[in-house]
N, C-alpha and C. Protein backbone atom coordinates (compact mmCIF):
# COMPACT_ATOMS: atom_id res chain seq x y z
N MET A 1 -11.29 -14.46 -17.20
CA MET A 1 -12.16 -13.61 -16.15
C MET A 1 -11.45 -13.20 -15.72
N ALA A 2 -11.78 -11.77 -15.31
CA ALA A 2 -11.25 -11.04 -14.04
C ALA A 2 -11.81 -11.73 -12.76
N ASN A 3 -11.69 -11.42 -11.70
CA ASN A 3 -11.77 -11.55 -10.23
C ASN A 3 -12.32 -10.30 -9.90
N LYS A 4 -13.68 -10.64 -9.57
CA LYS A 4 -14.88 -9.57 -9.67
C LYS A 4 -14.47 -9.25 -8.13
N GLU A 5 -14.06 -10.28 -7.27
CA GLU A 5 -13.80 -10.13 -5.81
C GLU A 5 -13.02 -8.72 -5.47
N ARG A 6 -11.64 -8.89 -6.21
CA ARG A 6 -10.91 -7.66 -6.56
C ARG A 6 -10.82 -6.15 -6.84
N SER A 7 -11.58 -5.57 -6.07
CA SER A 7 -11.61 -4.41 -6.96
C SER A 7 -10.85 -3.30 -6.53
N LEU A 8 -10.43 -3.37 -5.07
CA LEU A 8 -10.01 -2.39 -4.48
C LEU A 8 -8.32 -2.00 -4.64
N ILE A 9 -7.91 -0.89 -5.06
CA ILE A 9 -6.29 -0.72 -5.05
C ILE A 9 -5.92 0.59 -3.06
N ALA A 10 -5.14 -0.19 -2.83
CA ALA A 10 -4.63 0.03 -1.75
C ALA A 10 -3.41 0.80 -1.65
N VAL A 11 -2.94 1.89 -0.45
CA VAL A 11 -1.96 2.83 -0.94
C VAL A 11 -1.54 2.88 0.43
N MET A 12 0.07 2.62 0.76
CA MET A 12 0.76 3.46 1.59
C MET A 12 2.04 4.51 1.51
N GLY A 13 2.00 5.08 2.27
CA GLY A 13 3.31 6.42 1.86
C GLY A 13 3.21 7.48 2.12
N ASP A 14 3.32 8.24 2.09
CA ASP A 14 3.47 9.72 2.80
C ASP A 14 2.27 10.53 2.64
N GLU A 15 1.77 11.36 3.76
CA GLU A 15 0.26 11.87 3.64
C GLU A 15 0.18 12.60 2.12
N ASP A 16 1.19 13.39 1.49
CA ASP A 16 1.09 13.88 -0.18
C ASP A 16 0.57 12.82 -0.59
N SER A 17 1.12 12.05 -1.19
CA SER A 17 1.30 10.70 -2.00
C SER A 17 -0.61 9.91 -1.62
N VAL A 18 -0.77 10.16 -0.30
CA VAL A 18 -1.67 8.94 -0.20
C VAL A 18 -2.97 9.81 0.09
N THR A 19 -2.74 11.27 -0.01
CA THR A 19 -4.02 12.22 0.22
C THR A 19 -4.28 12.29 -1.94
N GLY A 20 -3.10 12.84 -2.27
CA GLY A 20 -3.39 12.26 -3.80
C GLY A 20 -4.15 11.80 -4.25
N LEU A 21 -4.02 10.08 -4.28
CA LEU A 21 -4.53 9.11 -4.61
C LEU A 21 -6.20 9.36 -3.42
N LEU A 22 -6.09 9.28 -2.43
CA LEU A 22 -7.17 9.77 -2.11
C LEU A 22 -8.40 10.55 -3.47
N LEU A 23 -7.68 11.57 -3.43
CA LEU A 23 -8.81 12.97 -4.08
C LEU A 23 -8.82 11.92 -5.54
N GLY A 24 -8.25 11.70 -5.97
CA GLY A 24 -8.16 10.82 -7.19
C GLY A 24 -9.34 9.52 -7.27
N GLY A 25 -9.84 9.06 -5.50
CA GLY A 25 -11.11 7.99 -5.36
C GLY A 25 -11.03 6.56 -5.22
N ILE A 26 -9.89 6.64 -4.72
CA ILE A 26 -9.59 5.16 -4.46
C ILE A 26 -9.61 4.63 -2.97
N GLY A 27 -9.98 6.11 -2.32
CA GLY A 27 -10.36 6.04 -0.88
C GLY A 27 -11.67 4.96 -0.74
N HIS A 28 -11.32 4.18 0.44
CA HIS A 28 -12.47 3.31 0.73
C HIS A 28 -12.71 2.44 2.54
N ILE A 29 -13.67 2.41 2.86
CA ILE A 29 -13.30 2.28 4.60
C ILE A 29 -14.95 0.91 4.38
N ASP A 30 -14.61 0.52 4.93
CA ASP A 30 -15.95 -0.77 4.65
C ASP A 30 -16.38 -0.83 6.12
N GLY A 31 -17.18 -1.68 6.18
CA GLY A 31 -18.55 -2.15 6.73
C GLY A 31 -18.01 -2.12 8.47
N LYS A 32 -16.48 -2.54 8.51
CA LYS A 32 -15.76 -3.03 9.64
C LYS A 32 -14.94 -2.02 9.81
N GLN A 33 -14.99 -0.60 9.20
CA GLN A 33 -14.17 0.44 9.66
C GLN A 33 -12.89 0.04 8.89
N LYS A 34 -12.59 -0.73 8.52
CA LYS A 34 -10.84 -0.85 7.83
C LYS A 34 -11.18 -0.53 6.20
N ALA A 35 -10.06 0.66 6.48
CA ALA A 35 -9.13 1.59 5.48
C ALA A 35 -8.86 1.20 4.10
N ASN A 36 -8.28 1.65 3.68
CA ASN A 36 -7.40 0.80 2.07
C ASN A 36 -6.26 1.55 1.85
N PHE A 37 -6.06 2.77 3.18
CA PHE A 37 -5.20 3.49 3.07
C PHE A 37 -4.09 3.54 4.31
N LEU A 38 -3.18 3.88 3.81
CA LEU A 38 -2.37 4.20 5.16
C LEU A 38 -1.55 5.63 5.27
N VAL A 39 -1.11 6.21 5.81
CA VAL A 39 -0.34 7.54 5.96
C VAL A 39 0.82 7.36 7.03
N VAL A 40 2.19 7.13 6.29
CA VAL A 40 2.93 6.69 6.91
C VAL A 40 4.08 8.35 7.49
N ASP A 41 4.23 8.54 8.45
CA ASP A 41 5.08 9.41 8.81
C ASP A 41 6.41 9.31 10.04
N SER A 42 7.29 10.43 10.46
CA SER A 42 8.15 9.70 10.98
C SER A 42 7.67 9.13 12.43
N LYS A 43 6.73 9.56 12.66
CA LYS A 43 6.05 8.57 13.98
C LYS A 43 5.24 7.23 14.40
N THR A 44 5.07 7.32 12.77
CA THR A 44 4.25 5.80 12.72
C THR A 44 5.08 4.83 12.80
N PRO A 45 4.71 3.94 13.76
CA PRO A 45 5.60 2.43 14.04
C PRO A 45 5.65 1.39 13.31
N LEU A 46 6.70 0.90 12.87
CA LEU A 46 7.15 0.15 12.21
C LEU A 46 6.36 -1.30 12.10
N ASP A 47 5.91 -1.68 13.85
CA ASP A 47 4.53 -2.91 13.71
C ASP A 47 3.87 -2.47 12.70
N LYS A 48 3.03 -1.75 13.01
CA LYS A 48 1.91 -0.48 12.28
C LYS A 48 2.15 -0.54 10.39
N ILE A 49 3.30 -0.46 9.86
CA ILE A 49 3.67 -0.41 9.15
C ILE A 49 3.10 -1.78 8.34
N GLU A 50 4.32 -2.93 9.19
CA GLU A 50 3.76 -4.20 8.82
C GLU A 50 2.57 -4.61 9.03
N SER A 51 1.92 -4.71 10.34
CA SER A 51 0.91 -5.49 10.35
C SER A 51 -0.57 -4.65 9.24
N THR A 52 0.19 -3.64 8.88
CA THR A 52 -0.88 -2.84 7.22
C THR A 52 -0.82 -3.52 6.26
N PHE A 53 0.57 -4.14 6.04
CA PHE A 53 0.62 -4.60 4.87
C PHE A 53 0.41 -5.94 4.81
N GLU A 54 0.61 -6.94 5.87
CA GLU A 54 0.18 -7.89 5.97
C GLU A 54 -1.68 -8.01 5.76
N GLU A 55 -2.14 -7.05 6.38
CA GLU A 55 -3.34 -7.10 6.55
C GLU A 55 -4.00 -6.84 4.77
N PHE A 56 -3.63 -6.10 4.66
CA PHE A 56 -4.27 -5.59 2.87
C PHE A 56 -3.49 -6.58 1.70
N VAL A 57 -2.42 -7.19 2.42
CA VAL A 57 -1.75 -9.02 1.58
C VAL A 57 -2.98 -9.53 1.96
N LYS A 58 -3.60 -9.84 2.79
CA LYS A 58 -4.21 -10.83 3.40
C LYS A 58 -6.22 -10.31 2.63
N ARG A 59 -6.55 -9.43 2.43
CA ARG A 59 -7.92 -8.70 2.27
C ARG A 59 -8.20 -9.35 0.81
N LYS A 60 -9.32 -10.18 0.36
CA LYS A 60 -9.79 -10.83 -0.77
C LYS A 60 -10.32 -9.65 -1.63
N ASP A 61 -9.95 -8.17 -1.34
CA ASP A 61 -10.50 -7.39 -1.86
C ASP A 61 -9.92 -6.16 -2.33
N ILE A 62 -8.73 -6.40 -2.07
CA ILE A 62 -7.71 -5.49 -2.92
C ILE A 62 -7.03 -6.21 -4.05
N ALA A 63 -6.49 -5.42 -4.77
CA ALA A 63 -5.49 -6.43 -6.44
C ALA A 63 -4.61 -5.50 -6.17
N ILE A 64 -4.36 -4.38 -6.31
CA ILE A 64 -2.91 -4.05 -6.36
C ILE A 64 -2.97 -3.15 -4.30
N ILE A 65 -1.89 -3.33 -4.13
CA ILE A 65 -1.33 -2.27 -3.20
C ILE A 65 -0.23 -0.95 -3.55
N LEU A 66 -0.22 -0.07 -3.68
CA LEU A 66 0.58 0.98 -3.89
C LEU A 66 1.32 1.30 -2.97
N ILE A 67 2.90 1.48 -2.99
CA ILE A 67 3.70 1.94 -1.51
C ILE A 67 4.57 2.93 -1.97
N THR A 68 4.61 3.65 -1.34
CA THR A 68 5.65 4.26 -2.04
C THR A 68 7.02 3.48 -1.81
N GLN A 69 8.25 4.52 -2.06
CA GLN A 69 9.61 3.30 -2.04
C GLN A 69 9.86 3.52 -0.96
N GLN A 70 10.12 4.91 -0.13
CA GLN A 70 10.37 4.63 0.95
C GLN A 70 10.03 3.99 2.37
N VAL A 71 8.55 3.95 2.12
CA VAL A 71 7.90 3.13 2.93
C VAL A 71 8.13 1.37 2.64
N ALA A 72 8.30 1.03 1.89
CA ALA A 72 8.59 -0.02 0.95
C ALA A 72 10.44 -0.39 1.42
N ASP A 73 11.33 0.72 1.46
CA ASP A 73 12.52 0.06 2.24
C ASP A 73 12.25 -0.61 3.72
N ASP A 74 11.35 0.23 4.38
CA ASP A 74 11.32 0.03 5.91
C ASP A 74 10.84 -1.26 5.86
N ILE A 75 10.25 -2.01 5.29
CA ILE A 75 9.39 -3.30 4.73
C ILE A 75 10.25 -4.36 4.21
N ARG A 76 11.35 -4.35 3.24
CA ARG A 76 11.81 -4.58 2.10
C ARG A 76 11.91 -5.99 2.13
N SER A 77 12.32 -6.56 3.25
CA SER A 77 12.16 -7.94 3.75
C SER A 77 10.72 -8.73 3.25
N MET A 78 9.29 -7.83 3.59
CA MET A 78 7.82 -8.13 3.42
C MET A 78 7.85 -8.27 1.82
N ILE A 79 8.03 -7.39 1.13
CA ILE A 79 8.14 -7.21 0.36
C ILE A 79 8.62 -8.09 -0.94
N ASP A 80 10.17 -8.03 -0.84
CA ASP A 80 10.60 -9.37 -1.57
C ASP A 80 10.06 -10.66 -1.06
N ASP A 81 9.32 -11.16 -0.27
CA ASP A 81 8.80 -12.11 0.40
C ASP A 81 7.75 -12.76 -0.54
N HIS A 82 6.84 -11.39 -0.71
CA HIS A 82 5.65 -11.36 -1.12
C HIS A 82 5.33 -11.65 -2.98
N ASP A 83 4.95 -13.53 -2.63
CA ASP A 83 5.47 -13.84 -4.05
C ASP A 83 4.00 -14.06 -4.89
N GLN A 84 2.71 -13.39 -4.49
CA GLN A 84 1.14 -13.66 -5.14
C GLN A 84 1.34 -13.21 -6.20
N ALA A 85 0.47 -12.99 -7.16
CA ALA A 85 0.00 -12.49 -8.24
C ALA A 85 -1.04 -11.23 -7.57
N PHE A 86 -1.95 -11.72 -6.53
CA PHE A 86 -2.71 -10.77 -6.20
C PHE A 86 -2.74 -10.84 -4.68
N PRO A 87 -2.71 -9.62 -3.95
CA PRO A 87 -2.41 -8.54 -4.55
C PRO A 87 -0.98 -7.93 -5.04
N THR A 88 -1.36 -7.47 -6.48
CA THR A 88 0.13 -7.64 -7.06
C THR A 88 0.70 -5.80 -6.09
N VAL A 89 1.91 -5.43 -6.05
CA VAL A 89 3.00 -4.66 -5.01
C VAL A 89 3.53 -4.02 -5.83
N LEU A 90 3.07 -2.55 -5.89
CA LEU A 90 3.61 -1.67 -6.69
C LEU A 90 4.33 -0.62 -5.93
N GLU A 91 5.92 -0.35 -6.14
CA GLU A 91 6.51 0.64 -5.67
C GLU A 91 6.62 2.34 -6.34
N ILE A 92 6.28 2.99 -5.57
CA ILE A 92 6.13 4.40 -6.68
C ILE A 92 6.99 5.09 -6.02
N PRO A 93 6.86 6.48 -6.47
CA PRO A 93 8.13 7.20 -5.87
C PRO A 93 6.82 8.48 -5.15
N SER A 94 7.89 9.39 -4.63
CA SER A 94 6.95 9.93 -3.45
C SER A 94 7.63 11.66 -4.04
N LYS A 95 6.79 12.47 -3.41
CA LYS A 95 7.05 13.71 -3.84
C LYS A 95 9.04 13.99 -3.63
N ASP A 96 9.46 14.24 -2.09
CA ASP A 96 10.47 13.99 -1.35
C ASP A 96 11.64 12.79 -2.04
N HIS A 97 11.08 11.87 -2.41
CA HIS A 97 12.30 10.80 -2.54
C HIS A 97 11.72 10.63 -4.07
N PRO A 98 13.01 10.82 -4.80
CA PRO A 98 12.36 10.48 -6.09
C PRO A 98 12.78 8.86 -6.37
N TYR A 99 12.34 8.18 -6.43
CA TYR A 99 12.05 6.77 -8.03
C TYR A 99 13.81 6.10 -7.64
N ASP A 100 14.49 5.15 -7.20
CA ASP A 100 15.26 4.42 -7.34
C ASP A 100 15.06 3.02 -7.93
N PRO A 101 15.47 2.85 -9.56
CA PRO A 101 15.04 1.92 -10.32
C PRO A 101 15.97 0.33 -9.78
N THR A 102 16.96 0.76 -8.72
CA THR A 102 17.87 -0.44 -8.38
C THR A 102 17.34 -0.76 -7.42
N LYS A 103 16.55 -0.72 -6.90
CA LYS A 103 15.77 -1.07 -5.41
C LYS A 103 14.53 -1.74 -5.82
C-alpha cells in the first residue's frame, strides 16, 4: 500500500534546474511557509545546504529528494550516510555540469 503522507518531490540545485522542475509543477509551500525546493548558487552557505537537506529528510510529506550532483558533492557525507528508503535521494545532472556515474 502506498504511503499517502509522502506525496511531494523536493529539489535542491542550481537556478535553471530548480526553475525547470518548479515550472513542471513540483513546487509547494506549506502553511508554515516551508518550501520543498532550494536554489543553490555560489553565495549559498554550506550550512544552509546542509540544514535544508536535513529538513527535507525529516519531513514526512517528502517522498523523493532530487539534488543536482554538484550540490550533492558539497554534502557528500550526508548523502552517503542517508540509508532510509524514504525519502529517496536521487542525484541528477545540471545544464552546466554533466552527470558523473562514478560518484
